Amino acid sequence: MLVIPIVLGGCAGIQSAEGIRSAPTSDRQVQKLVRVEDFGINATSEGKLVVDTIIINEGRAPRVGKLVIVVEAGGKKEQKTEVIEIGPNEKVKTNTVFEISLEEFEYAGDLKMSIE
């Protein structure tokens, strides 16, 4: 199964996405046509890390994919998974909140993101 990895090390570098296992999906076209177009790192008013993503479906049919984001910082590891239903040639925005603080992430954090 093809996994489209996006990996950040402290918001600065690209690393390997090994360690994220892919879950089987009945729609094999998801891996080819649905992708993360853009993302940003922000914080809630309480200082928790927020990962904002824009996901695009470049296909001609609706798709269902799974966005998987893994964040590690300060000895903590958190994984969030969200099912994304997306129409043909459509973009979907998501905001994923973590318990890890933005400050911890900026100091020594890693982020791994994939669409399955």
PDB file of N, CA and C in Angstrom:
ATOM      1  N   MET A   1       0.852  -1.172   0.000  1.00  0.00           N
ATOM      2  CA  MET A   1       0.000   0.000   0.000  1.00  0.00           C
ATOM      3  C   MET A   1       0.893   1.229   0.000  1.00  0.00           C
ATOM      4  N   LEU A   2       0.570   2.194  -0.774  1.00  0.00           N
ATOM      5  CA  LEU A   2       1.306   3.433  -0.869  1.00  0.00           C
ATOM      6  C   LEU A   2       0.836   4.388   0.216  1.00  0.00           C
ATOM      7  N   VAL A   3       1.782   4.937   0.975  1.00  0.00           N
ATOM      8  CA  VAL A   3       1.472   5.941   1.984  1.00  0.00           C
ATOM      9  C   VAL A   3       2.187   7.215   1.573  1.00  0.00           C
ATOM     10  N   ILE A   4       1.478   8.314   1.584  1.00  0.00           N
ATOM     11  CA  ILE A   4       2.056   9.593   1.219  1.00  0.00           C
ATOM     12  C   ILE A   4       2.505  10.278   2.501  1.00  0.00           C
ATOM     13  N   PRO A   5       3.806  10.202   2.812  1.00  0.00           N
ATOM     14  CA  PRO A   5       4.264  10.757   4.081  1.00  0.00           C
ATOM     15  C   PRO A   5       4.667  12.217   3.968  1.00  0.00           C
ATOM     16  N   ILE A   6       4.369  12.944   5.008  1.00  0.00           N
ATOM     17  CA  ILE A   6       4.880  14.296   5.196  1.00  0.00           C
ATOM     18  C   ILE A   6       5.425  14.292   6.608  1.00  0.00           C
ATOM     19  N   VAL A   7       6.706  14.568   6.728  1.00  0.00           N
ATOM     20  CA  VAL A   7       7.333  14.470   8.038  1.00  0.00           C
ATOM     21  C   VAL A   7       8.041  15.773   8.345  1.00  0.00           C
ATOM     22  N   LEU A   8       7.836  16.268   9.543  1.00  0.00           N
ATOM     23  CA  LEU A   8       8.508  17.473   9.997  1.00  0.00           C
ATOM     24  C   LEU A   8       9.306  17.160  11.251  1.00  0.00           C
ATOM     25  N   GLY A   9      10.500  17.653  11.332  1.00  0.00           N
ATOM     26  CA  GLY A   9      11.280  17.568  12.555  1.00  0.00           C
ATOM     27  C   GLY A   9      11.404  18.956  13.125  1.00  0.00           C
ATOM     28  N   GLY A  10      10.700  19.253  14.183  1.00  0.00           N
ATOM     29  CA  GLY A  10      10.747  20.578  14.789  1.00  0.00           C
ATOM     30  C   GLY A  10      10.372  21.665  13.797  1.00  0.00           C
ATOM     31  N   CYS A  11       9.446  21.386  12.910  1.00  0.00           N
ATOM     32  CA  CYS A  11       8.981  22.325  11.885  1.00  0.00           C
ATOM     33  C   CYS A  11      10.061  22.692  10.885  1.00  0.00           C
ATOM     34  N   ALA A  12      11.135  21.875  10.763  1.00  0.00           N
ATOM     35  CA  ALA A  12      12.200  22.332   9.896  1.00  0.00           C
ATOM     36  C   ALA A  12      12.656  21.330   8.856  1.00  0.00           C
ATOM     37  N   GLY A  13      12.715  20.043   9.152  1.00  0.00           N
ATOM     38  CA  GLY A  13      13.332  19.125   8.213  1.00  0.00           C
ATOM     39  C   GLY A  13      12.439  17.994   7.786  1.00  0.00           C
ATOM     40  N   ILE A  14      12.826  17.345   6.693  1.00  0.00           N
ATOM     41  CA  ILE A  14      12.102  16.188   6.190  1.00  0.00           C
ATOM     42  C   ILE A  14      12.835  14.938   6.670  1.00  0.00           C
ATOM     43  N   GLN A  15      12.071  13.949   7.170  1.00  0.00           N
ATOM     44  CA  GLN A  15      12.632  12.705   7.658  1.00  0.00           C
ATOM     45  C   GLN A  15      11.840  11.547   7.092  1.00  0.00           C
ATOM     46  N   SER A  16      12.261  10.328   7.423  1.00  0.00           N
ATOM     47  CA  SER A  16      11.567   9.134   6.954  1.00  0.00           C
ATOM     48  C   SER A  16      10.240   8.955   7.679  1.00  0.00           C
ATOM     49  N   ALA A  17       9.274   8.331   7.002  1.00  0.00           N
ATOM     50  CA  ALA A  17       7.963   8.091   7.606  1.00  0.00           C
ATOM     51  C   ALA A  17       7.826   6.648   8.066  1.00  0.00           C
ATOM     52  N   GLU A  18       8.933   5.953   8.249  1.00  0.00           N
ATOM     53  CA  GLU A  18       8.860   4.586   8.742  1.00  0.00           C
ATOM     54  C   GLU A  18       8.244   4.605  10.128  1.00  0.00           C
ATOM     55  N   GLY A  19       7.502   3.598  10.442  1.00  0.00           N
ATOM     56  CA  GLY A  19       6.876   3.554  11.751  1.00  0.00           C
ATOM     57  C   GLY A  19       5.388   3.838  11.698  1.00  0.00           C
ATOM     58  N   ILE A  20       4.905   4.450  10.619  1.00  0.00           N
ATOM     59  CA  ILE A  20       3.471   4.625  10.463  1.00  0.00           C
ATOM     60  C   ILE A  20       2.981   3.466   9.616  1.00  0.00           C
ATOM     61  N   ARG A  21       2.148   2.630  10.177  1.00  0.00           N
ATOM     62  CA  ARG A  21       1.609   1.493   9.436  1.00  0.00           C
ATOM     63  C   ARG A  21       0.386   1.930   8.655  1.00  0.00           C
ATOM     64  N   SER A  22       0.265   1.381   7.497  1.00  0.00           N
ATOM     65  CA  SER A  22      -0.885   1.677   6.651  1.00  0.00           C
ATOM     66  C   SER A  22      -2.016   0.717   6.955  1.00  0.00           C
ATOM     67  N   ALA A  23      -3.219   1.233   7.036  1.00  0.00           N
ATOM     68  CA  ALA A  23      -4.392   0.389   7.228  1.00  0.00           C
ATOM     69  C   ALA A  23      -4.982   0.078   5.863  1.00  0.00           C
ATOM     70  N   PRO A  24      -5.489  -1.134   5.680  1.00  0.00           N
ATOM     71  CA  PRO A  24      -6.085  -1.459   4.376  1.00  0.00           C
ATOM     72  C   PRO A  24      -7.307  -0.596   4.095  1.00  0.00           C
ATOM     73  N   THR A  25      -7.509  -0.297   2.854  1.00  0.00           N
ATOM     74  CA  THR A  25      -8.672   0.473   2.451  1.00  0.00           C
ATOM     75  C   THR A  25      -9.299  -0.195   1.237  1.00  0.00           C
ATOM     76  N   SER A  26     -10.605  -0.064   1.095  1.00  0.00           N
ATOM     77  CA  SER A  26     -11.285  -0.683  -0.041  1.00  0.00           C
ATOM     78  C   SER A  26     -11.162   0.179  -1.290  1.00  0.00           C
ATOM     79  N   ASP A  27     -10.763   1.419  -1.145  1.00  0.00           N
ATOM     80  CA  ASP A  27     -10.645   2.333  -2.277  1.00  0.00           C
ATOM     81  C   ASP A  27      -9.168   2.599  -2.553  1.00  0.00           C
ATOM     82  N   ARG A  28      -8.581   1.790  -3.419  1.00  0.00           N
ATOM     83  CA  ARG A  28      -7.148   1.912  -3.717  1.00  0.00           C
ATOM     84  C   ARG A  28      -6.799   3.242  -4.383  1.00  0.00           C
ATOM     85  N   GLN A  29      -7.775   3.916  -4.987  1.00  0.00           N
ATOM     86  CA  GLN A  29      -7.518   5.190  -5.646  1.00  0.00           C
ATOM     87  C   GLN A  29      -7.223   6.311  -4.651  1.00  0.00           C
ATOM     88  N   VAL A  30      -7.568   6.117  -3.391  1.00  0.00           N
ATOM     89  CA  VAL A  30      -7.311   7.164  -2.394  1.00  0.00           C
ATOM     90  C   VAL A  30      -5.830   7.526  -2.379  1.00  0.00           C
ATOM     91  N   GLN A  31      -4.956   6.514  -2.392  1.00  0.00           N
ATOM     92  CA  GLN A  31      -3.523   6.772  -2.327  1.00  0.00           C
ATOM     93  C   GLN A  31      -3.012   7.534  -3.541  1.00  0.00           C
ATOM     94  N   LYS A  32      -3.676   7.398  -4.665  1.00  0.00           N
ATOM     95  CA  LYS A  32      -3.226   8.073  -5.878  1.00  0.00           C
ATOM     96  C   LYS A  32      -3.823   9.469  -6.037  1.00  0.00           C
ATOM     97  N   LEU A  33      -5.037   9.674  -5.562  1.00  0.00           N
ATOM     98  CA  LEU A  33      -5.770  10.891  -5.894  1.00  0.00           C
ATOM     99  C   LEU A  33      -6.008  11.843  -4.729  1.00  0.00           C
ATOM    100  N   VAL A  34      -5.928  11.374  -3.510  1.00  0.00           N
ATOM    101  CA  VAL A  34      -6.169  12.229  -2.343  1.00  0.00           C
ATOM    102  C   VAL A  34      -4.828  12.504  -1.678  1.00  0.00           C
ATOM    103  N   ARG A  35      -4.558  13.785  -1.429  1.00  0.00           N
ATOM    104  CA  ARG A  35      -3.264  14.136  -0.832  1.00  0.00           C
ATOM    105  C   ARG A  35      -3.393  15.391   0.024  1.00  0.00           C
ATOM    106  N   VAL A  36      -2.402  15.595   0.880  1.00  0.00           N
ATOM    107  CA  VAL A  36      -2.325  16.827   1.664  1.00  0.00           C
ATOM    108  C   VAL A  36      -1.725  17.890   0.754  1.00  0.00           C
ATOM    109  N   GLU A  37      -2.512  18.919   0.497  1.00  0.00           N
ATOM    110  CA  GLU A  37      -2.036  20.009  -0.363  1.00  0.00           C
ATOM    111  C   GLU A  37      -1.188  21.008   0.422  1.00  0.00           C
ATOM    112  N   ASP A  38      -1.584  21.265   1.674  1.00  0.00           N
ATOM    113  CA  ASP A  38      -0.864  22.238   2.492  1.00  0.00           C
ATOM    114  C   ASP A  38      -1.189  21.982   3.956  1.00  0.00           C
ATOM    115  N   PHE A  39      -0.342  22.447   4.844  1.00  0.00           N
ATOM    116  CA  PHE A  39      -0.606  22.334   6.272  1.00  0.00           C
ATOM    117  C   PHE A  39       0.121  23.433   7.018  1.00  0.00           C
ATOM    118  N   GLY A  40      -0.344  23.693   8.239  1.00  0.00           N
ATOM    119  CA  GLY A  40       0.274  24.698   9.076  1.00  0.00           C
ATOM    120  C   GLY A  40       0.230  24.262  10.528  1.00  0.00           C
ATOM    121  N   ILE A  41       1.079  24.864  11.328  1.00  0.00           N
ATOM    122  CA  ILE A  41       1.179  24.568  12.756  1.00  0.00           C
ATOM    123  C   ILE A  41       0.746  25.815  13.511  1.00  0.00           C
ATOM    124  N   ASN A  42      -0.202  25.647  14.439  1.00  0.00           N
ATOM    125  CA  ASN A  42      -0.711  26.751  15.241  1.00  0.00           C
ATOM    126  C   ASN A  42      -0.903  26.281  16.677  1.00  0.00           C
ATOM    127  N   ALA A  43      -1.506  27.135  17.500  1.00  0.00           N
ATOM    128  CA  ALA A  43      -1.793  26.782  18.893  1.00  0.00           C
ATOM    129  C   ALA A  43      -3.198  27.234  19.259  1.00  0.00           C
ATOM    130  N   THR A  44      -3.802  26.500  20.196  1.00  0.00           N
ATOM    131  CA  THR A  44      -5.082  26.930  20.760  1.00  0.00           C
ATOM    132  C   THR A  44      -4.799  28.068  21.737  1.00  0.00           C
ATOM    133  N   SER A  45      -5.848  28.672  22.268  1.00  0.00           N
ATOM    134  CA  SER A  45      -5.655  29.739  23.255  1.00  0.00           C
ATOM    135  C   SER A  45      -4.994  29.204  24.525  1.00  0.00           C
ATOM    136  N   GLU A  46      -5.101  27.880  24.754  1.00  0.00           N
ATOM    137  CA  GLU A  46      -4.449  27.257  25.914  1.00  0.00           C
ATOM    138  C   GLU A  46      -3.018  26.819  25.601  1.00  0.00           C
ATOM    139  N   GLY A  47      -2.559  27.021  24.364  1.00  0.00           N
ATOM    140  CA  GLY A  47      -1.188  26.676  23.994  1.00  0.00           C
ATOM    141  C   GLY A  47      -1.006  25.271  23.435  1.00  0.00           C
ATOM    142  N   LYS A  48      -2.105  24.537  23.226  1.00  0.00           N
ATOM    143  CA  LYS A  48      -1.997  23.188  22.664  1.00  0.00           C
ATOM    144  C   LYS A  48      -1.697  23.267  21.171  1.00  0.00           C
ATOM    145  N   LEU A  49      -0.957  22.283  20.677  1.00  0.00           N
ATOM    146  CA  LEU A  49      -0.590  22.207  19.268  1.00  0.00           C
ATOM    147  C   LEU A  49      -1.815  21.929  18.400  1.00  0.00           C
ATOM    148  N   VAL A  50      -1.946  22.671  17.300  1.00  0.00           N
ATOM    149  CA  VAL A  50      -2.995  22.451  16.312  1.00  0.00           C
ATOM    150  C   VAL A  50      -2.314  22.272  14.956  1.00  0.00           C
ATOM    151  N   VAL A  51      -2.667  21.201  14.249  1.00  0.00           N
ATOM    152  CA  VAL A  51      -2.177  20.980  12.890  1.00  0.00           C
ATOM    153  C   VAL A  51      -3.353  21.246  11.948  1.00  0.00           C
ATOM    154  N   ASP A  52      -3.226  22.288  11.138  1.00  0.00           N
ATOM    155  CA  ASP A  52      -4.245  22.649  10.161  1.00  0.00           C
ATOM    156  C   ASP A  52      -3.827  22.048   8.818  1.00  0.00           C
ATOM    157  N   THR A  53      -4.725  21.312   8.171  1.00  0.00           N
ATOM    158  CA  THR A  53      -4.395  20.697   6.885  1.00  0.00           C
ATOM    159  C   THR A  53      -5.436  21.054   5.834  1.00  0.00           C
ATOM    160  N   ILE A  54      -4.982  21.082   4.592  1.00  0.00           N
ATOM    161  CA  ILE A  54      -5.868  21.190   3.436  1.00  0.00           C
ATOM    162  C   ILE A  54      -5.616  19.936   2.613  1.00  0.00           C
ATOM    163  N   ILE A  55      -6.687  19.139   2.446  1.00  0.00           N
ATOM    164  CA  ILE A  55      -6.605  17.884   1.712  1.00  0.00           C
ATOM    165  C   ILE A  55      -7.378  18.057   0.414  1.00  0.00           C
ATOM    166  N   ILE A  56      -6.809  17.545  -0.674  1.00  0.00           N
ATOM    167  CA  ILE A  56      -7.426  17.699  -1.990  1.00  0.00           C
ATOM    168  C   ILE A  56      -7.674  16.329  -2.619  1.00  0.00           C
ATOM    169  N   ASN A  57      -8.800  16.210  -3.301  1.00  0.00           N
ATOM    170  CA  ASN A  57      -9.129  15.027  -4.090  1.00  0.00           C
ATOM    171  C   ASN A  57      -8.981  15.432  -5.552  1.00  0.00           C
ATOM    172  N   GLU A  58      -7.970  14.906  -6.225  1.00  0.00           N
ATOM    173  CA  GLU A  58      -7.725  15.256  -7.616  1.00  0.00           C
ATOM    174  C   GLU A  58      -8.487  14.359  -8.587  1.00  0.00           C
ATOM    175  N   GLY A  59      -9.328  13.482  -8.065  1.00  0.00           N
ATOM    176  CA  GLY A  59     -10.070  12.547  -8.901  1.00  0.00           C
ATOM    177  C   GLY A  59     -11.425  13.085  -9.317  1.00  0.00           C
ATOM    178  N   ARG A  60     -12.120  12.260 -10.117  1.00  0.00           N
ATOM    179  CA  ARG A  60     -13.439  12.637 -10.636  1.00  0.00           C
ATOM    180  C   ARG A  60     -14.578  12.003  -9.849  1.00  0.00           C
ATOM    181  N   ALA A  61     -14.244  11.289  -8.785  1.00  0.00           N
ATOM    182  CA  ALA A  61     -15.268  10.624  -7.970  1.00  0.00           C
ATOM    183  C   ALA A  61     -15.039  10.975  -6.505  1.00  0.00           C
ATOM    184  N   PRO A  62     -16.091  10.916  -5.695  1.00  0.00           N
ATOM    185  CA  PRO A  62     -15.917  11.129  -4.254  1.00  0.00           C
ATOM    186  C   PRO A  62     -15.009  10.043  -3.672  1.00  0.00           C
ATOM    187  N   ARG A  63     -14.269  10.381  -2.643  1.00  0.00           N
ATOM    188  CA  ARG A  63     -13.358   9.434  -2.003  1.00  0.00           C
ATOM    189  C   ARG A  63     -13.497   9.548  -0.488  1.00  0.00           C
ATOM    190  N   VAL A  64     -13.131   8.479   0.178  1.00  0.00           N
ATOM    191  CA  VAL A  64     -13.027   8.470   1.633  1.00  0.00           C
ATOM    192  C   VAL A  64     -11.606   8.032   1.956  1.00  0.00           C
ATOM    193  N   GLY A  65     -10.882   8.868   2.697  1.00  0.00           N
ATOM    194  CA  GLY A  65      -9.519   8.556   3.096  1.00  0.00           C
ATOM    195  C   GLY A  65      -9.375   8.745   4.581  1.00  0.00           C
ATOM    196  N   LYS A  66      -8.230   8.340   5.086  1.00  0.00           N
ATOM    197  CA  LYS A  66      -7.960   8.484   6.507  1.00  0.00           C
ATOM    198  C   LYS A  66      -6.694   9.320   6.669  1.00  0.00           C
ATOM    199  N   LEU A  67      -6.827  10.449   7.363  1.00  0.00           N
ATOM    200  CA  LEU A  67      -5.695  11.297   7.685  1.00  0.00           C
ATOM    201  C   LEU A  67      -5.121  10.817   9.010  1.00  0.00           C
ATOM    202  N   VAL A  68      -3.834  10.479   9.015  1.00  0.00           N
ATOM    203  CA  VAL A  68      -3.151  10.028  10.227  1.00  0.00           C
ATOM    204  C   VAL A  68      -2.034  11.015  10.523  1.00  0.00           C
ATOM    205  N   ILE A  69      -2.063  11.582  11.734  1.00  0.00           N
ATOM    206  CA  ILE A  69      -1.021  12.518  12.166  1.00  0.00           C
ATOM    207  C   ILE A  69      -0.434  11.989  13.468  1.00  0.00           C
ATOM    208  N   VAL A  70       0.892  11.848  13.497  1.00  0.00           N
ATOM    209  CA  VAL A  70       1.605  11.409  14.695  1.00  0.00           C
ATOM    210  C   VAL A  70       2.552  12.534  15.109  1.00  0.00           C
ATOM    211  N   VAL A  71       2.443  12.952  16.377  1.00  0.00           N
ATOM    212  CA  VAL A  71       3.293  14.014  16.909  1.00  0.00           C
ATOM    213  C   VAL A  71       4.069  13.451  18.095  1.00  0.00           C
ATOM    214  N   GLU A  72       5.379  13.739  18.126  1.00  0.00           N
ATOM    215  CA  GLU A  72       6.218  13.366  19.257  1.00  0.00           C
ATOM    216  C   GLU A  72       6.952  14.609  19.737  1.00  0.00           C
ATOM    217  N   ALA A  73       6.956  14.799  21.057  1.00  0.00           N
ATOM    218  CA  ALA A  73       7.677  15.926  21.647  1.00  0.00           C
ATOM    219  C   ALA A  73       7.796  15.713  23.151  1.00  0.00           C
ATOM    220  N   GLY A  74       8.929  16.071  23.695  1.00  0.00           N
ATOM    221  CA  GLY A  74       9.114  16.002  25.142  1.00  0.00           C
ATOM    222  C   GLY A  74       8.852  14.632  25.737  1.00  0.00           C
ATOM    223  N   GLY A  75       9.197  13.573  25.009  1.00  0.00           N
ATOM    224  CA  GLY A  75       8.979  12.219  25.511  1.00  0.00           C
ATOM    225  C   GLY A  75       7.550  11.726  25.378  1.00  0.00           C
ATOM    226  N   LYS A  76       6.688  12.530  24.795  1.00  0.00           N
ATOM    227  CA  LYS A  76       5.290  12.152  24.594  1.00  0.00           C
ATOM    228  C   LYS A  76       5.066  11.828  23.122  1.00  0.00           C
ATOM    229  N   LYS A  77       4.126  10.906  22.867  1.00  0.00           N
ATOM    230  CA  LYS A  77       3.749  10.569  21.496  1.00  0.00           C
ATOM    231  C   LYS A  77       2.237  10.527  21.423  1.00  0.00           C
ATOM    232  N   GLU A  78       1.688  11.215  20.430  1.00  0.00           N
ATOM    233  CA  GLU A  78       0.242  11.267  20.262  1.00  0.00           C
ATOM    234  C   GLU A  78      -0.110  11.021  18.802  1.00  0.00           C
ATOM    235  N   GLN A  79      -1.123  10.199  18.566  1.00  0.00           N
ATOM    236  CA  GLN A  79      -1.590   9.939  17.205  1.00  0.00           C
ATOM    237  C   GLN A  79      -3.067  10.282  17.100  1.00  0.00           C
ATOM    238  N   LYS A  80      -3.423  10.996  16.055  1.00  0.00           N
ATOM    239  CA  LYS A  80      -4.815  11.338  15.772  1.00  0.00           C
ATOM    240  C   LYS A  80      -5.147  10.832  14.372  1.00  0.00           C
ATOM    241  N   THR A  81      -6.336  10.261  14.234  1.00  0.00           N
ATOM    242  CA  THR A  81      -6.802   9.744  12.958  1.00  0.00           C
ATOM    243  C   THR A  81      -8.167  10.343  12.673  1.00  0.00           C
ATOM    244  N   GLU A  82      -8.347  10.790  11.438  1.00  0.00           N
ATOM    245  CA  GLU A  82      -9.623  11.379  11.049  1.00  0.00           C
ATOM    246  C   GLU A  82     -10.032  10.852   9.677  1.00  0.00           C
ATOM    247  N   VAL A  83     -11.267  10.370   9.573  1.00  0.00           N
ATOM    248  CA  VAL A  83     -11.802   9.928   8.290  1.00  0.00           C
ATOM    249  C   VAL A  83     -12.250  11.163   7.520  1.00  0.00           C
ATOM    250  N   ILE A  84     -11.789  11.253   6.270  1.00  0.00           N
ATOM    251  CA  ILE A  84     -12.075  12.404   5.433  1.00  0.00           C
ATOM    252  C   ILE A  84     -12.941  11.956   4.262  1.00  0.00           C
ATOM    253  N   GLU A  85     -14.123  12.537   4.139  1.00  0.00           N
ATOM    254  CA  GLU A  85     -14.972  12.318   2.974  1.00  0.00           C
ATOM    255  C   GLU A  85     -14.812  13.546   2.093  1.00  0.00           C
ATOM    256  N   ILE A  86     -14.427  13.302   0.838  1.00  0.00           N
ATOM    257  CA  ILE A  86     -14.101  14.430  -0.021  1.00  0.00           C
ATOM    258  C   ILE A  86     -14.640  14.203  -1.426  1.00  0.00           C
ATOM    259  N   GLY A  87     -15.318  15.209  -1.952  1.00  0.00           N
ATOM    260  CA  GLY A  87     -15.916  15.129  -3.278  1.00  0.00           C
ATOM    261  C   GLY A  87     -14.882  15.275  -4.382  1.00  0.00           C
ATOM    262  N   PRO A  88     -15.300  15.052  -5.626  1.00  0.00           N
ATOM    263  CA  PRO A  88     -14.387  15.179  -6.751  1.00  0.00           C
ATOM    264  C   PRO A  88     -13.873  16.614  -6.887  1.00  0.00           C
ATOM    265  N   ASN A  89     -12.565  16.727  -7.129  1.00  0.00           N
ATOM    266  CA  ASN A  89     -11.913  18.034  -7.299  1.00  0.00           C
ATOM    267  C   ASN A  89     -12.249  18.997  -6.166  1.00  0.00           C
ATOM    268  N   GLU A  90     -12.352  18.479  -4.954  1.00  0.00           N
ATOM    269  CA  GLU A  90     -12.722  19.279  -3.789  1.00  0.00           C
ATOM    270  C   GLU A  90     -11.555  19.352  -2.812  1.00  0.00           C
ATOM    271  N   LYS A  91     -11.555  20.402  -1.990  1.00  0.00           N
ATOM    272  CA  LYS A  91     -10.582  20.560  -0.909  1.00  0.00           C
ATOM    273  C   LYS A  91     -11.329  20.539   0.411  1.00  0.00           C
ATOM    274  N   VAL A  92     -10.712  19.911   1.421  1.00  0.00           N
ATOM    275  CA  VAL A  92     -11.279  19.850   2.761  1.00  0.00           C
ATOM    276  C   VAL A  92     -10.226  20.379   3.732  1.00  0.00           C
ATOM    277  N   LYS A  93     -10.665  21.228   4.658  1.00  0.00           N
ATOM    278  CA  LYS A  93      -9.764  21.755   5.689  1.00  0.00           C
ATOM    279  C   LYS A  93     -10.039  21.026   6.995  1.00  0.00           C
ATOM    280  N   THR A  94      -8.980  20.675   7.712  1.00  0.00           N
ATOM    281  CA  THR A  94      -9.119  20.052   9.027  1.00  0.00           C
ATOM    282  C   THR A  94      -8.248  20.795  10.030  1.00  0.00           C
ATOM    283  N   ASN A  95      -8.651  20.723  11.280  1.00  0.00           N
ATOM    284  CA  ASN A  95      -7.889  21.295  12.389  1.00  0.00           C
ATOM    285  C   ASN A  95      -7.801  20.217  13.455  1.00  0.00           C
ATOM    286  N   THR A  96      -6.621  19.681  13.671  1.00  0.00           N
ATOM    287  CA  THR A  96      -6.424  18.588  14.616  1.00  0.00           C
ATOM    288  C   THR A  96      -5.682  19.114  15.837  1.00  0.00           C
ATOM    289  N   VAL A  97      -6.300  18.986  17.009  1.00  0.00           N
ATOM    290  CA  VAL A  97      -5.736  19.506  18.262  1.00  0.00           C
ATOM    291  C   VAL A  97      -5.085  18.360  19.029  1.00  0.00           C
ATOM    292  N   PHE A  98      -3.897  18.606  19.554  1.00  0.00           N
ATOM    293  CA  PHE A  98      -3.147  17.637  20.345  1.00  0.00           C
ATOM    294  C   PHE A  98      -2.987  18.133  21.774  1.00  0.00           C
ATOM    295  N   GLU A  99      -2.727  17.215  22.685  1.00  0.00           N
ATOM    296  CA  GLU A  99      -2.454  17.580  24.077  1.00  0.00           C
ATOM    297  C   GLU A  99      -1.053  18.151  24.231  1.00  0.00           C
ATOM    298  N   ILE A 100      -0.149  17.794  23.340  1.00  0.00           N
ATOM    299  CA  ILE A 100       1.216  18.329  23.346  1.00  0.00           C
ATOM    300  C   ILE A 100       1.140  19.823  23.059  1.00  0.00           C
ATOM    301  N   SER A 101       1.929  20.606  23.769  1.00  0.00           N
ATOM    302  CA  SER A 101       1.889  22.058  23.572  1.00  0.00           C
ATOM    303  C   SER A 101       2.716  22.461  22.355  1.00  0.00           C
ATOM    304  N   LEU A 102       2.359  23.598  21.778  1.00  0.00           N
ATOM    305  CA  LEU A 102       3.128  24.141  20.660  1.00  0.00           C
ATOM    306  C   LEU A 102       4.566  24.404  21.093  1.00  0.00           C
ATOM    307  N   GLU A 103       4.746  24.878  22.306  1.00  0.00           N
ATOM    308  CA  GLU A 103       6.086  25.169  22.819  1.00  0.00           C
ATOM    309  C   GLU A 103       6.946  23.900  22.860  1.00  0.00           C
ATOM    310  N   GLU A 104       6.382  22.797  23.374  1.00  0.00           N
ATOM    311  CA  GLU A 104       7.112  21.521  23.401  1.00  0.00           C
ATOM    312  C   GLU A 104       7.462  21.075  21.983  1.00  0.00           C
ATOM    313  N   PHE A 105       6.506  21.211  21.069  1.00  0.00           N
ATOM    314  CA  PHE A 105       6.727  20.780  19.690  1.00  0.00           C
ATOM    315  C   PHE A 105       7.816  21.610  19.013  1.00  0.00           C
ATOM    316  N   GLU A 106       7.772  22.918  19.186  1.00  0.00           N
ATOM    317  CA  GLU A 106       8.767  23.777  18.549  1.00  0.00           C
ATOM    318  C   GLU A 106      10.168  23.517  19.082  1.00  0.00           C
ATOM    319  N   TYR A 107      10.267  23.133  20.354  1.00  0.00           N
ATOM    320  CA  TYR A 107      11.572  22.896  20.967  1.00  0.00           C
ATOM    321  C   TYR A 107      12.228  21.629  20.411  1.00  0.00           C
ATOM    322  N   ALA A 108      11.498  20.522  20.367  1.00  0.00           N
ATOM    323  CA  ALA A 108      12.106  19.264  19.930  1.00  0.00           C
ATOM    324  C   ALA A 108      11.051  18.284  19.445  1.00  0.00           C
ATOM    325  N   GLY A 109      10.203  18.706  18.533  1.00  0.00           N
ATOM    326  CA  GLY A 109       9.118  17.846  18.105  1.00  0.00           C
ATOM    327  C   GLY A 109       9.288  17.269  16.718  1.00  0.00           C
ATOM    328  N   ASP A 110       8.586  16.172  16.479  1.00  0.00           N
ATOM    329  CA  ASP A 110       8.508  15.530  15.167  1.00  0.00           C
ATOM    330  C   ASP A 110       7.052  15.361  14.799  1.00  0.00           C
ATOM    331  N   LEU A 111       6.748  15.523  13.532  1.00  0.00           N
ATOM    332  CA  LEU A 111       5.395  15.352  13.042  1.00  0.00           C
ATOM    333  C   LEU A 111       5.429  14.438  11.816  1.00  0.00           C
ATOM    334  N   LYS A 112       4.565  13.440  11.792  1.00  0.00           N
ATOM    335  CA  LYS A 112       4.445  12.558  10.632  1.00  0.00           C
ATOM    336  C   LYS A 112       2.983  12.567  10.221  1.00  0.00           C
ATOM    337  N   MET A 113       2.750  12.702   8.920  1.00  0.00           N
ATOM    338  CA  MET A 113       1.387  12.815   8.412  1.00  0.00           C
ATOM    339  C   MET A 113       1.251  11.929   7.182  1.00  0.00           C
ATOM    340  N   SER A 114       0.109  11.223   7.076  1.00  0.00           N
ATOM    341  CA  SER A 114      -0.125  10.415   5.878  1.00  0.00           C
ATOM    342  C   SER A 114      -1.613  10.351   5.583  1.00  0.00           C
ATOM    343  N   ILE A 115      -1.928  10.033   4.334  1.00  0.00           N
ATOM    344  CA  ILE A 115      -3.295   9.768   3.894  1.00  0.00           C
ATOM    345  C   ILE A 115      -3.331   8.299   3.506  1.00  0.00           C
ATOM    346  N   GLU A 116      -4.288   7.573   4.058  1.00  0.00           N
ATOM    347  CA  GLU A 116      -4.417   6.152   3.748  1.00  0.00           C
ATOM    348  C   GLU A 116      -5.737   5.894   3.062  1.00  0.00           C
TER     349      GLU A 116
END
